[in-house]
Full PDB file with SEQRES, HELIX, SHEET, SSBOND, CRYST1, ORIGX, SCALE, CONECT and MASTER records, all heavy atoms in Angstrom:
SEQRES   1 A   40  ALA ALA SER THR SER ALA GLN GLN MET CYS VAL THR ASP          
SEQRES   2 A   40  GLY ASP TYR GLU PRO PRO SER GLU THR ASP GLN ILE ILE          
SEQRES   3 A   40  ASP LEU PRO GLU PHE HIS ILE SER LEU SER ILE PRO GLU          
SEQRES   4 A   40  ASN                                                          
HELIX    1 AA1 ALA A    2  ALA A    6  1                                   5    
HELIX    2 AA2 PRO A   29  PHE A   31  5                                   3    
SHEET    1 AA1 2 ASP A  23  LEU A  28  0                                        
SHEET    2 AA1 2 ILE A  33  PRO A  38 -1                                        
CRYST1    1.000    1.000    1.000  90.00  90.00  90.00 P 1           1          
ORIGX1      1.000000  0.000000  0.000000        0.00000                         
ORIGX2      0.000000  1.000000  0.000000        0.00000                         
ORIGX3      0.000000  0.000000  1.000000        0.00000                         
SCALE1      1.000000  0.000000  0.000000        0.00000                         
SCALE2      0.000000  1.000000  0.000000        0.00000                         
SCALE3      0.000000  0.000000  1.000000        0.00000                         
ATOM      1  N   ALA A   1     -72.976 -22.848  11.656  1.00  0.00           N  
ATOM      2  CA  ALA A   1     -73.366 -22.814  10.242  1.00  0.00           C  
ATOM      3  C   ALA A   1     -72.175 -22.446   9.368  1.00  0.00           C  
ATOM      4  O   ALA A   1     -71.947 -23.036   8.315  1.00  0.00           O  
ATOM      5  CB  ALA A   1     -74.506 -21.820  10.034  1.00  0.00           C  
ATOM      6  N   ALA A   2     -71.387 -21.465   9.833  1.00  0.00           N  
ATOM      7  CA  ALA A   2     -70.214 -21.046   9.054  1.00  0.00           C  
ATOM      8  C   ALA A   2     -69.193 -22.168   8.982  1.00  0.00           C  
ATOM      9  O   ALA A   2     -68.585 -22.421   7.947  1.00  0.00           O  
ATOM     10  CB  ALA A   2     -69.590 -19.811   9.691  1.00  0.00           C  
ATOM     11  N   SER A   3     -69.017 -22.883  10.126  1.00  0.00           N  
ATOM     12  CA  SER A   3     -68.052 -23.984  10.159  1.00  0.00           C  
ATOM     13  C   SER A   3     -68.471 -25.100   9.221  1.00  0.00           C  
ATOM     14  O   SER A   3     -67.667 -25.654   8.481  1.00  0.00           O  
ATOM     15  CB  SER A   3     -67.940 -24.506  11.586  1.00  0.00           C  
ATOM     16  OG  SER A   3     -67.157 -25.665  11.625  1.00  0.00           O  
ATOM     17  N   THR A   4     -69.770 -25.452   9.232  1.00  0.00           N  
ATOM     18  CA  THR A   4     -70.271 -26.531   8.384  1.00  0.00           C  
ATOM     19  C   THR A   4     -70.181 -26.154   6.923  1.00  0.00           C  
ATOM     20  O   THR A   4     -69.790 -26.958   6.084  1.00  0.00           O  
ATOM     21  CB  THR A   4     -71.741 -26.861   8.754  1.00  0.00           C  
ATOM     22  OG1 THR A   4     -71.779 -27.195  10.134  1.00  0.00           O  
ATOM     23  CG2 THR A   4     -72.257 -28.016   7.920  1.00  0.00           C  
ATOM     24  N   SER A   5     -70.523 -24.888   6.596  1.00  0.00           N  
ATOM     25  CA  SER A   5     -70.496 -24.476   5.200  1.00  0.00           C  
ATOM     26  C   SER A   5     -69.071 -24.390   4.681  1.00  0.00           C  
ATOM     27  O   SER A   5     -68.817 -24.536   3.503  1.00  0.00           O  
ATOM     28  CB  SER A   5     -71.206 -23.130   5.030  1.00  0.00           C  
ATOM     29  OG  SER A   5     -70.517 -22.124   5.749  1.00  0.00           O  
ATOM     30  N   ALA A   6     -68.101 -24.172   5.601  1.00  0.00           N  
ATOM     31  CA  ALA A   6     -66.707 -24.083   5.177  1.00  0.00           C  
ATOM     32  C   ALA A   6     -66.141 -25.456   4.854  1.00  0.00           C  
ATOM     33  O   ALA A   6     -65.189 -25.573   4.101  1.00  0.00           O  
ATOM     34  CB  ALA A   6     -65.879 -23.421   6.269  1.00  0.00           C  
ATOM     35  N   GLN A   7     -66.710 -26.513   5.440  1.00  0.00           N  
ATOM     36  CA  GLN A   7     -66.233 -27.870   5.185  1.00  0.00           C  
ATOM     37  C   GLN A   7     -66.933 -28.444   3.954  1.00  0.00           C  
ATOM     38  O   GLN A   7     -68.146 -28.374   3.827  1.00  0.00           O  
ATOM     39  CB  GLN A   7     -66.508 -28.777   6.381  1.00  0.00           C  
ATOM     40  CG  GLN A   7     -65.555 -28.560   7.534  1.00  0.00           C  
ATOM     41  CD  GLN A   7     -65.777 -29.586   8.609  1.00  0.00           C  
ATOM     42  OE1 GLN A   7     -66.885 -29.737   9.082  1.00  0.00           O  
ATOM     43  NE2 GLN A   7     -64.723 -30.273   8.998  1.00  0.00           N  
ATOM     44  N   GLN A   8     -66.134 -29.032   3.085  1.00  0.00           N  
ATOM     45  CA  GLN A   8     -66.693 -29.643   1.885  1.00  0.00           C  
ATOM     46  C   GLN A   8     -67.284 -30.997   2.241  1.00  0.00           C  
ATOM     47  O   GLN A   8     -66.706 -31.772   2.978  1.00  0.00           O  
ATOM     48  CB  GLN A   8     -65.597 -29.812   0.834  1.00  0.00           C  
ATOM     49  CG  GLN A   8     -66.089 -30.450  -0.442  1.00  0.00           C  
ATOM     50  CD  GLN A   8     -64.964 -30.634  -1.440  1.00  0.00           C  
ATOM     51  OE1 GLN A   8     -63.838 -30.231  -1.203  1.00  0.00           O  
ATOM     52  NE2 GLN A   8     -65.276 -31.252  -2.560  1.00  0.00           N  
ATOM     53  N   MET A   9     -68.469 -31.299   1.708  1.00  0.00           N  
ATOM     54  CA  MET A   9     -69.066 -32.618   1.879  1.00  0.00           C  
ATOM     55  C   MET A   9     -68.460 -33.555   0.853  1.00  0.00           C  
ATOM     56  O   MET A   9     -68.465 -33.259  -0.338  1.00  0.00           O  
ATOM     57  CB  MET A   9     -70.583 -32.546   1.705  1.00  0.00           C  
ATOM     58  CG  MET A   9     -71.320 -31.916   2.858  1.00  0.00           C  
ATOM     59  SD  MET A   9     -71.092 -32.802   4.426  1.00  0.00           S  
ATOM     60  CE  MET A   9     -71.816 -34.387   4.050  1.00  0.00           C  
ATOM     61  N   CYS A  10     -67.925 -34.682   1.311  1.00  0.00           N  
ATOM     62  CA  CYS A  10     -67.325 -35.672   0.413  1.00  0.00           C  
ATOM     63  C   CYS A  10     -68.346 -36.771   0.160  1.00  0.00           C  
ATOM     64  O   CYS A  10     -68.767 -37.460   1.080  1.00  0.00           O  
ATOM     65  CB  CYS A  10     -66.081 -36.275   1.049  1.00  0.00           C  
ATOM     66  SG  CYS A  10     -64.827 -35.045   1.490  1.00  0.00           S  
ATOM     67  N   VAL A  11     -68.761 -36.890  -1.083  1.00  0.00           N  
ATOM     68  CA  VAL A  11     -69.752 -37.903  -1.438  1.00  0.00           C  
ATOM     69  C   VAL A  11     -69.318 -38.619  -2.711  1.00  0.00           C  
ATOM     70  O   VAL A  11     -68.618 -38.058  -3.547  1.00  0.00           O  
ATOM     71  CB  VAL A  11     -71.157 -37.286  -1.661  1.00  0.00           C  
ATOM     72  CG1 VAL A  11     -71.691 -36.690  -0.378  1.00  0.00           C  
ATOM     73  CG2 VAL A  11     -71.137 -36.246  -2.764  1.00  0.00           C  
ATOM     74  N   THR A  12     -69.732 -39.882  -2.823  1.00  0.00           N  
ATOM     75  CA  THR A  12     -69.592 -40.589  -4.089  1.00  0.00           C  
ATOM     76  C   THR A  12     -71.003 -40.835  -4.589  1.00  0.00           C  
ATOM     77  O   THR A  12     -71.859 -41.310  -3.852  1.00  0.00           O  
ATOM     78  CB  THR A  12     -68.862 -41.936  -3.913  1.00  0.00           C  
ATOM     79  OG1 THR A  12     -69.546 -42.711  -2.926  1.00  0.00           O  
ATOM     80  CG2 THR A  12     -67.420 -41.729  -3.480  1.00  0.00           C  
ATOM     81  N   ASP A  13     -71.236 -40.484  -5.842  1.00  0.00           N  
ATOM     82  CA  ASP A  13     -72.593 -40.589  -6.374  1.00  0.00           C  
ATOM     83  C   ASP A  13     -72.908 -41.976  -6.921  1.00  0.00           C  
ATOM     84  O   ASP A  13     -74.020 -42.243  -7.345  1.00  0.00           O  
ATOM     85  CB  ASP A  13     -72.829 -39.532  -7.467  1.00  0.00           C  
ATOM     86  CG  ASP A  13     -71.801 -39.601  -8.583  1.00  0.00           C  
ATOM     87  OD1 ASP A  13     -71.084 -40.628  -8.682  1.00  0.00           O  
ATOM     88  OD2 ASP A  13     -71.706 -38.634  -9.357  1.00  0.00           O  
ATOM     89  N   GLY A  14     -71.919 -42.871  -6.912  1.00  0.00           N  
ATOM     90  CA  GLY A  14     -72.152 -44.213  -7.419  1.00  0.00           C  
ATOM     91  C   GLY A  14     -72.101 -44.312  -8.927  1.00  0.00           C  
ATOM     92  O   GLY A  14     -72.137 -45.394  -9.491  1.00  0.00           O  
ATOM     93  N   ASP A  15     -72.011 -43.169  -9.594  1.00  0.00           N  
ATOM     94  CA  ASP A  15     -71.937 -43.144 -11.054  1.00  0.00           C  
ATOM     95  C   ASP A  15     -70.460 -43.100 -11.444  1.00  0.00           C  
ATOM     96  O   ASP A  15     -69.924 -42.070 -11.808  1.00  0.00           O  
ATOM     97  CB  ASP A  15     -72.684 -41.920 -11.591  1.00  0.00           C  
ATOM     98  CG  ASP A  15     -72.717 -41.899 -13.110  1.00  0.00           C  
ATOM     99  OD1 ASP A  15     -72.482 -42.957 -13.715  1.00  0.00           O  
ATOM    100  OD2 ASP A  15     -72.961 -40.819 -13.680  1.00  0.00           O  
ATOM    101  N   TYR A  16     -69.796 -44.266 -11.290  1.00  0.00           N  
ATOM    102  CA  TYR A  16     -68.347 -44.315 -11.448  1.00  0.00           C  
ATOM    103  C   TYR A  16     -67.891 -43.976 -12.850  1.00  0.00           C  
ATOM    104  O   TYR A  16     -68.521 -44.359 -13.836  1.00  0.00           O  
ATOM    105  CB  TYR A  16     -67.816 -45.704 -11.081  1.00  0.00           C  
ATOM    106  CG  TYR A  16     -67.916 -46.022  -9.624  1.00  0.00           C  
ATOM    107  CD1 TYR A  16     -68.707 -47.079  -9.182  1.00  0.00           C  
ATOM    108  CD2 TYR A  16     -67.240 -45.271  -8.682  1.00  0.00           C  
ATOM    109  CE1 TYR A  16     -68.808 -47.370  -7.834  1.00  0.00           C  
ATOM    110  CE2 TYR A  16     -67.337 -45.555  -7.335  1.00  0.00           C  
ATOM    111  CZ  TYR A  16     -68.119 -46.605  -6.917  1.00  0.00           C  
ATOM    112  OH  TYR A  16     -68.220 -46.880  -5.593  1.00  0.00           O  
ATOM    113  N   GLU A  17     -66.789 -43.247 -12.899  1.00  0.00           N  
ATOM    114  CA  GLU A  17     -66.116 -43.020 -14.176  1.00  0.00           C  
ATOM    115  C   GLU A  17     -65.784 -44.383 -14.772  1.00  0.00           C  
ATOM    116  O   GLU A  17     -65.305 -45.273 -14.074  1.00  0.00           O  
ATOM    117  CB  GLU A  17     -64.834 -42.228 -13.908  1.00  0.00           C  
ATOM    118  CG  GLU A  17     -63.979 -42.013 -15.128  1.00  0.00           C  
ATOM    119  CD  GLU A  17     -62.668 -41.315 -14.770  1.00  0.00           C  
ATOM    120  OE1 GLU A  17     -62.650 -40.562 -13.783  1.00  0.00           O  
ATOM    121  OE2 GLU A  17     -61.683 -41.531 -15.485  1.00  0.00           O  
ATOM    122  N   PRO A  18     -66.052 -44.588 -16.057  1.00  0.00           N  
ATOM    123  CA  PRO A  18     -65.788 -45.910 -16.639  1.00  0.00           C  
ATOM    124  C   PRO A  18     -64.297 -46.225 -16.656  1.00  0.00           C  
ATOM    125  O   PRO A  18     -63.470 -45.316 -16.722  1.00  0.00           O  
ATOM    126  CB  PRO A  18     -66.345 -45.793 -18.062  1.00  0.00           C  
ATOM    127  CG  PRO A  18     -66.360 -44.333 -18.346  1.00  0.00           C  
ATOM    128  CD  PRO A  18     -66.601 -43.648 -17.035  1.00  0.00           C  
ATOM    129  N   PRO A  19     -63.955 -47.510 -16.564  1.00  0.00           N  
ATOM    130  CA  PRO A  19     -62.538 -47.875 -16.616  1.00  0.00           C  
ATOM    131  C   PRO A  19     -61.933 -47.532 -17.968  1.00  0.00           C  
ATOM    132  O   PRO A  19     -62.622 -47.542 -18.993  1.00  0.00           O  
ATOM    133  CB  PRO A  19     -62.543 -49.388 -16.381  1.00  0.00           C  
ATOM    134  CG  PRO A  19     -63.925 -49.830 -16.695  1.00  0.00           C  
ATOM    135  CD  PRO A  19     -64.823 -48.666 -16.409  1.00  0.00           C  
ATOM    136  N   SER A  20     -60.660 -47.204 -17.966  1.00  0.00           N  
ATOM    137  CA  SER A  20     -59.962 -46.913 -19.214  1.00  0.00           C  
ATOM    138  C   SER A  20     -60.007 -48.136 -20.126  1.00  0.00           C  
ATOM    139  O   SER A  20     -60.062 -49.276 -19.652  1.00  0.00           O  
ATOM    140  CB  SER A  20     -58.497 -46.557 -18.935  1.00  0.00           C  
ATOM    141  OG  SER A  20     -58.420 -45.445 -18.098  1.00  0.00           O  
ATOM    142  N   GLU A  21     -59.939 -47.889 -21.418  1.00  0.00           N  
ATOM    143  CA  GLU A  21     -59.932 -48.995 -22.364  1.00  0.00           C  
ATOM    144  C   GLU A  21     -58.590 -49.722 -22.351  1.00  0.00           C  
ATOM    145  O   GLU A  21     -58.498 -50.880 -22.759  1.00  0.00           O  
ATOM    146  CB  GLU A  21     -60.244 -48.490 -23.775  1.00  0.00           C  
ATOM    147  CG  GLU A  21     -61.678 -47.981 -23.918  1.00  0.00           C  
ATOM    148  CD  GLU A  21     -62.003 -47.543 -25.331  1.00  0.00           C  
ATOM    149  OE1 GLU A  21     -61.147 -47.734 -26.227  1.00  0.00           O  
ATOM    150  OE2 GLU A  21     -63.119 -47.035 -25.537  1.00  0.00           O  
ATOM    151  N   THR A  22     -57.546 -49.036 -21.895  1.00  0.00           N  
ATOM    152  CA  THR A  22     -56.231 -49.666 -21.798  1.00  0.00           C  
ATOM    153  C   THR A  22     -55.892 -49.929 -20.341  1.00  0.00           C  
ATOM    154  O   THR A  22     -56.289 -49.166 -19.447  1.00  0.00           O  
ATOM    155  CB  THR A  22     -55.142 -48.772 -22.422  1.00  0.00           C  
ATOM    156  OG1 THR A  22     -55.188 -47.473 -21.802  1.00  0.00           O  
ATOM    157  CG2 THR A  22     -55.366 -48.622 -23.916  1.00  0.00           C  
ATOM    158  N   ASP A  23     -55.173 -51.021 -20.103  1.00  0.00           N  
ATOM    159  CA  ASP A  23     -54.789 -51.413 -18.750  1.00  0.00           C  
ATOM    160  C   ASP A  23     -53.323 -51.087 -18.485  1.00  0.00           C  
ATOM    161  O   ASP A  23     -52.527 -50.911 -19.407  1.00  0.00           O  
ATOM    162  CB  ASP A  23     -54.990 -52.919 -18.556  1.00  0.00           C  
ATOM    163  CG  ASP A  23     -56.458 -53.281 -18.395  1.00  0.00           C  
ATOM    164  OD1 ASP A  23     -57.289 -52.362 -18.253  1.00  0.00           O  
ATOM    165  OD2 ASP A  23     -56.767 -54.475 -18.402  1.00  0.00           O  
ATOM    166  N   GLN A  24     -53.001 -51.007 -17.223  1.00  0.00           N  
ATOM    167  CA  GLN A  24     -51.607 -50.920 -16.790  1.00  0.00           C  
ATOM    168  C   GLN A  24     -51.295 -52.192 -16.006  1.00  0.00           C  
ATOM    169  O   GLN A  24     -52.141 -52.701 -15.271  1.00  0.00           O  
ATOM    170  CB  GLN A  24     -51.382 -49.683 -15.918  1.00  0.00           C  
ATOM    171  CG  GLN A  24     -52.315 -49.589 -14.713  1.00  0.00           C  
ATOM    172  CD  GLN A  24     -52.073 -48.356 -13.887  1.00  0.00           C  
ATOM    173  OE1 GLN A  24     -50.935 -47.947 -13.698  1.00  0.00           O  
ATOM    174  NE2 GLN A  24     -53.149 -47.746 -13.378  1.00  0.00           N  
ATOM    175  N   ILE A  25     -50.108 -52.719 -16.208  1.00  0.00           N  
ATOM    176  CA  ILE A  25     -49.689 -53.912 -15.483  1.00  0.00           C  
ATOM    177  C   ILE A  25     -48.693 -53.486 -14.417  1.00  0.00           C  
ATOM    178  O   ILE A  25     -47.683 -52.848 -14.702  1.00  0.00           O  
ATOM    179  CB  ILE A  25     -49.071 -54.956 -16.426  1.00  0.00           C  
ATOM    180  CG1 ILE A  25     -50.114 -55.420 -17.447  1.00  0.00           C  
ATOM    181  CG2 ILE A  25     -48.555 -56.150 -15.628  1.00  0.00           C  
ATOM    182  CD1 ILE A  25     -49.586 -56.359 -18.498  1.00  0.00           C  
ATOM    183  N   ILE A  26     -49.011 -53.827 -13.179  1.00  0.00           N  
ATOM    184  CA  ILE A  26     -48.194 -53.414 -12.039  1.00  0.00           C  
ATOM    185  C   ILE A  26     -47.638 -54.652 -11.351  1.00  0.00           C  
ATOM    186  O   ILE A  26     -48.392 -55.576 -11.014  1.00  0.00           O  
ATOM    187  CB  ILE A  26     -49.033 -52.591 -11.039  1.00  0.00           C  
ATOM    188  CG1 ILE A  26     -49.599 -51.349 -11.730  1.00  0.00           C  
ATOM    189  CG2 ILE A  26     -48.211 -52.211  -9.819  1.00  0.00           C  
ATOM    190  CD1 ILE A  26     -50.632 -50.613 -10.937  1.00  0.00           C  
ATOM    191  N   ASP A  27     -46.332 -54.686 -11.163  1.00  0.00           N  
ATOM    192  CA  ASP A  27     -45.694 -55.770 -10.418  1.00  0.00           C  
ATOM    193  C   ASP A  27     -45.755 -55.467  -8.930  1.00  0.00           C  
ATOM    194  O   ASP A  27     -45.427 -54.357  -8.495  1.00  0.00           O  
ATOM    195  CB  ASP A  27     -44.234 -55.936 -10.845  1.00  0.00           C  
ATOM    196  CG  ASP A  27     -44.095 -56.550 -12.230  1.00  0.00           C  
ATOM    197  OD1 ASP A  27     -45.097 -57.087 -12.743  1.00  0.00           O  
ATOM    198  OD2 ASP A  27     -42.993 -56.489 -12.801  1.00  0.00           O  
ATOM    199  N   LEU A  28     -46.195 -56.448  -8.170  1.00  0.00           N  
ATOM    200  CA  LEU A  28     -46.229 -56.342  -6.708  1.00  0.00           C  
ATOM    201  C   LEU A  28     -45.362 -57.461  -6.145  1.00  0.00           C  
ATOM    202  O   LEU A  28     -45.851 -58.509  -5.708  1.00  0.00           O  
ATOM    203  CB  LEU A  28     -47.670 -56.459  -6.195  1.00  0.00           C  
ATOM    204  CG  LEU A  28     -48.657 -55.384  -6.663  1.00  0.00           C  
ATOM    205  CD1 LEU A  28     -50.068 -55.740  -6.251  1.00  0.00           C  
ATOM    206  CD2 LEU A  28     -48.262 -54.021  -6.134  1.00  0.00           C  
ATOM    207  N   PRO A  29     -44.034 -57.267  -6.156  1.00  0.00           N  
ATOM    208  CA  PRO A  29     -43.129 -58.349  -5.754  1.00  0.00           C  
ATOM    209  C   PRO A  29     -43.326 -58.820  -4.319  1.00  0.00           C  
ATOM    210  O   PRO A  29     -43.069 -59.980  -4.009  1.00  0.00           O  
ATOM    211  CB  PRO A  29     -41.736 -57.739  -5.961  1.00  0.00           C  
ATOM    212  CG  PRO A  29     -41.937 -56.276  -6.052  1.00  0.00           C  
ATOM    213  CD  PRO A  29     -43.311 -56.062  -6.577  1.00  0.00           C  
ATOM    214  N   GLU A  30     -43.806 -57.935  -3.448  1.00  0.00           N  
ATOM    215  CA  GLU A  30     -44.033 -58.349  -2.063  1.00  0.00           C  
ATOM    216  C   GLU A  30     -45.133 -59.399  -1.953  1.00  0.00           C  
ATOM    217  O   GLU A  30     -45.192 -60.165  -0.996  1.00  0.00           O  
ATOM    218  CB  GLU A  30     -44.346 -57.135  -1.171  1.00  0.00           C  
ATOM    219  CG  GLU A  30     -45.656 -56.424  -1.467  1.00  0.00           C  
ATOM    220  CD  GLU A  30     -45.553 -55.331  -2.529  1.00  0.00           C  
ATOM    221  OE1 GLU A  30     -44.712 -55.457  -3.442  1.00  0.00           O  
ATOM    222  OE2 GLU A  30     -46.330 -54.372  -2.447  1.00  0.00           O  
ATOM    223  N   PHE A  31     -46.020 -59.444  -2.968  1.00  0.00           N  
ATOM    224  CA  PHE A  31     -47.086 -60.442  -3.009  1.00  0.00           C  
ATOM    225  C   PHE A  31     -46.794 -61.564  -4.008  1.00  0.00           C  
ATOM    226  O   PHE A  31     -47.619 -62.456  -4.179  1.00  0.00           O  
ATOM    227  CB  PHE A  31     -48.417 -59.772  -3.384  1.00  0.00           C  
ATOM    228  CG  PHE A  31     -48.866 -58.720  -2.409  1.00  0.00           C  
ATOM    229  CD1 PHE A  31     -48.785 -57.382  -2.733  1.00  0.00           C  
ATOM    230  CD2 PHE A  31     -49.375 -59.069  -1.171  1.00  0.00           C  
ATOM    231  CE1 PHE A  31     -49.203 -56.397  -1.849  1.00  0.00           C  
ATOM    232  CE2 PHE A  31     -49.793 -58.095  -0.276  1.00  0.00           C  
ATOM    233  CZ  PHE A  31     -49.707 -56.753  -0.615  1.00  0.00           C  
ATOM    234  N   HIS A  32     -45.669 -61.444  -4.726  1.00  0.00           N  
ATOM    235  CA  HIS A  32     -45.276 -62.421  -5.749  1.00  0.00           C  
ATOM    236  C   HIS A  32     -46.271 -62.468  -6.912  1.00  0.00           C  
ATOM    237  O   HIS A  32     -46.486 -63.520  -7.512  1.00  0.00           O  
ATOM    238  CB  HIS A  32     -45.124 -63.832  -5.136  1.00  0.00           C  
ATOM    239  CG  HIS A  32     -44.080 -63.906  -4.071  1.00  0.00           C  
ATOM    240  ND1 HIS A  32     -42.763 -64.171  -4.325  1.00  0.00           N  
ATOM    241  CD2 HIS A  32     -44.166 -63.728  -2.728  1.00  0.00           C  
ATOM    242  CE1 HIS A  32     -42.079 -64.161  -3.200  1.00  0.00           C  
ATOM    243  NE2 HIS A  32     -42.906 -63.877  -2.217  1.00  0.00           N  
ATOM    244  N   ILE A  33     -46.884 -61.317  -7.213  1.00  0.00           N  
ATOM    245  CA  ILE A  33     -47.867 -61.272  -8.297  1.00  0.00           C  
ATOM    246  C   ILE A  33     -47.683 -60.011  -9.142  1.00  0.00           C  
ATOM    247  O   ILE A  33     -47.051 -59.043  -8.717  1.00  0.00           O  
ATOM    248  CB  ILE A  33     -49.328 -61.284  -7.764  1.00  0.00           C  
ATOM    249  CG1 ILE A  33     -49.595 -60.056  -6.877  1.00  0.00           C  
ATOM    250  CG2 ILE A  33     -49.644 -62.575  -7.034  1.00  0.00           C  
ATOM    251  CD1 ILE A  33     -51.050 -59.877  -6.484  1.00  0.00           C  
ATOM    252  N   SER A  34     -48.265 -60.051 -10.340  1.00  0.00           N  
ATOM    253  CA  SER A  34     -48.476 -58.840 -11.122  1.00  0.00           C  
ATOM    254  C   SER A  34     -49.983 -58.655 -11.235  1.00  0.00           C  
ATOM    255  O   SER A  34     -50.753 -59.624 -11.165  1.00  0.00           O  
ATOM    256  CB  SER A  34     -47.824 -58.940 -12.501  1.00  0.00           C  
ATOM    257  OG  SER A  34     -48.457 -59.932 -13.270  1.00  0.00           O  
ATOM    258  N   LEU A  35     -50.390 -57.421 -11.414  1.00  0.00           N  
ATOM    259  CA  LEU A  35     -51.813 -57.083 -11.411  1.00  0.00           C  
ATOM    260  C   LEU A  35     -52.120 -56.178 -12.591  1.00  0.00           C  
ATOM    261  O   LEU A  35     -51.409 -55.205 -12.836  1.00  0.00           O  
ATOM    262  CB  LEU A  35     -52.163 -56.381 -10.096  1.00  0.00           C  
ATOM    263  CG  LEU A  35     -53.569 -55.838  -9.922  1.00  0.00           C  
ATOM    264  CD1 LEU A  35     -54.582 -56.973  -9.887  1.00  0.00           C  
ATOM    265  CD2 LEU A  35     -53.658 -55.006  -8.649  1.00  0.00           C  
ATOM    266  N   SER A  36     -53.175 -56.493 -13.311  1.00  0.00           N  
ATOM    267  CA  SER A  36     -53.609 -55.669 -14.432  1.00  0.00           C  
ATOM    268  C   SER A  36     -54.848 -54.882 -14.018  1.00  0.00           C  
ATOM    269  O   SER A  36     -55.859 -55.477 -13.615  1.00  0.00           O  
ATOM    270  CB  SER A  36     -53.927 -56.575 -15.635  1.00  0.00           C  
ATOM    271  OG  SER A  36     -54.462 -55.823 -16.690  1.00  0.00           O  
ATOM    272  N   ILE A  37     -54.748 -53.543 -14.081  1.00  0.00           N  
ATOM    273  CA  ILE A  37     -55.894 -52.696 -13.739  1.00  0.00           C  
ATOM    274  C   ILE A  37     -56.021 -51.590 -14.782  1.00  0.00           C  
ATOM    275  O   ILE A  37     -55.047 -51.258 -15.465  1.00  0.00           O  
ATOM    276  CB  ILE A  37     -55.751 -52.070 -12.329  1.00  0.00           C  
ATOM    277  CG1 ILE A  37     -54.494 -51.184 -12.252  1.00  0.00           C  
ATOM    278  CG2 ILE A  37     -55.767 -53.132 -11.254  1.00  0.00           C  
ATOM    279  CD1 ILE A  37     -54.373 -50.404 -10.949  1.00  0.00           C  
ATOM    280  N   PRO A  38     -57.208 -50.999 -14.943  1.00  0.00           N  
ATOM    281  CA  PRO A  38     -57.366 -49.887 -15.892  1.00  0.00           C  
ATOM    282  C   PRO A  38     -56.417 -48.741 -15.563  1.00  0.00           C  
ATOM    283  O   PRO A  38     -56.094 -48.502 -14.394  1.00  0.00           O  
ATOM    284  CB  PRO A  38     -58.830 -49.476 -15.704  1.00  0.00           C  
ATOM    285  CG  PRO A  38     -59.508 -50.699 -15.190  1.00  0.00           C  
ATOM    286  CD  PRO A  38     -58.490 -51.376 -14.312  1.00  0.00           C  
ATOM    287  N   GLU A  39     -55.983 -48.033 -16.584  1.00  0.00           N  
ATOM    288  CA  GLU A  39     -55.004 -46.951 -16.393  1.00  0.00           C  
ATOM    289  C   GLU A  39     -55.500 -45.832 -15.495  1.00  0.00           C  
ATOM    290  O   GLU A  39     -54.704 -45.142 -14.869  1.00  0.00           O  
ATOM    291  CB  GLU A  39     -54.572 -46.380 -17.754  1.00  0.00           C  
ATOM    292  CG  GLU A  39     -53.555 -47.248 -18.468  1.00  0.00           C  
ATOM    293  CD  GLU A  39     -52.952 -46.553 -19.674  1.00  0.00           C  
ATOM    294  OE1 GLU A  39     -53.537 -45.563 -20.150  1.00  0.00           O  
ATOM    295  OE2 GLU A  39     -51.897 -47.021 -20.134  1.00  0.00           O  
ATOM    296  N   ASN A  40     -56.825 -45.627 -15.424  1.00  0.00           N  
ATOM    297  CA  ASN A  40     -57.330 -44.543 -14.587  1.00  0.00           C  
ATOM    298  C   ASN A  40     -57.612 -44.979 -13.145  1.00  0.00           C  
ATOM    299  O   ASN A  40     -58.096 -44.189 -12.345  1.00  0.00           O  
ATOM    300  CB  ASN A  40     -58.583 -43.914 -15.210  1.00  0.00           C  
ATOM    301  CG  ASN A  40     -59.719 -44.905 -15.406  1.00  0.00           C  
ATOM    302  OD1 ASN A  40     -59.506 -46.117 -15.460  1.00  0.00           O  
ATOM    303  ND2 ASN A  40     -60.934 -44.402 -15.532  1.00  0.00           N  
TER     304      ASN A  40                                                      
MASTER        0    0    0    2    2    0    0    6  303    1    0    4          
END                                                                             
C-alpha cells in the first residue's frame, strides 16, 4: 500500500488543453519538410 501510494498515477483525462492561437514552424531537414504546429 505504501509503495502504491508513493507512485503517482499518470492519467490523461481526454480534456486536452486547446491548441495555441499562434503556430510555430519547425524545419525537419531530415524529412525534407517544414511543419506548422501550435506553439504549446
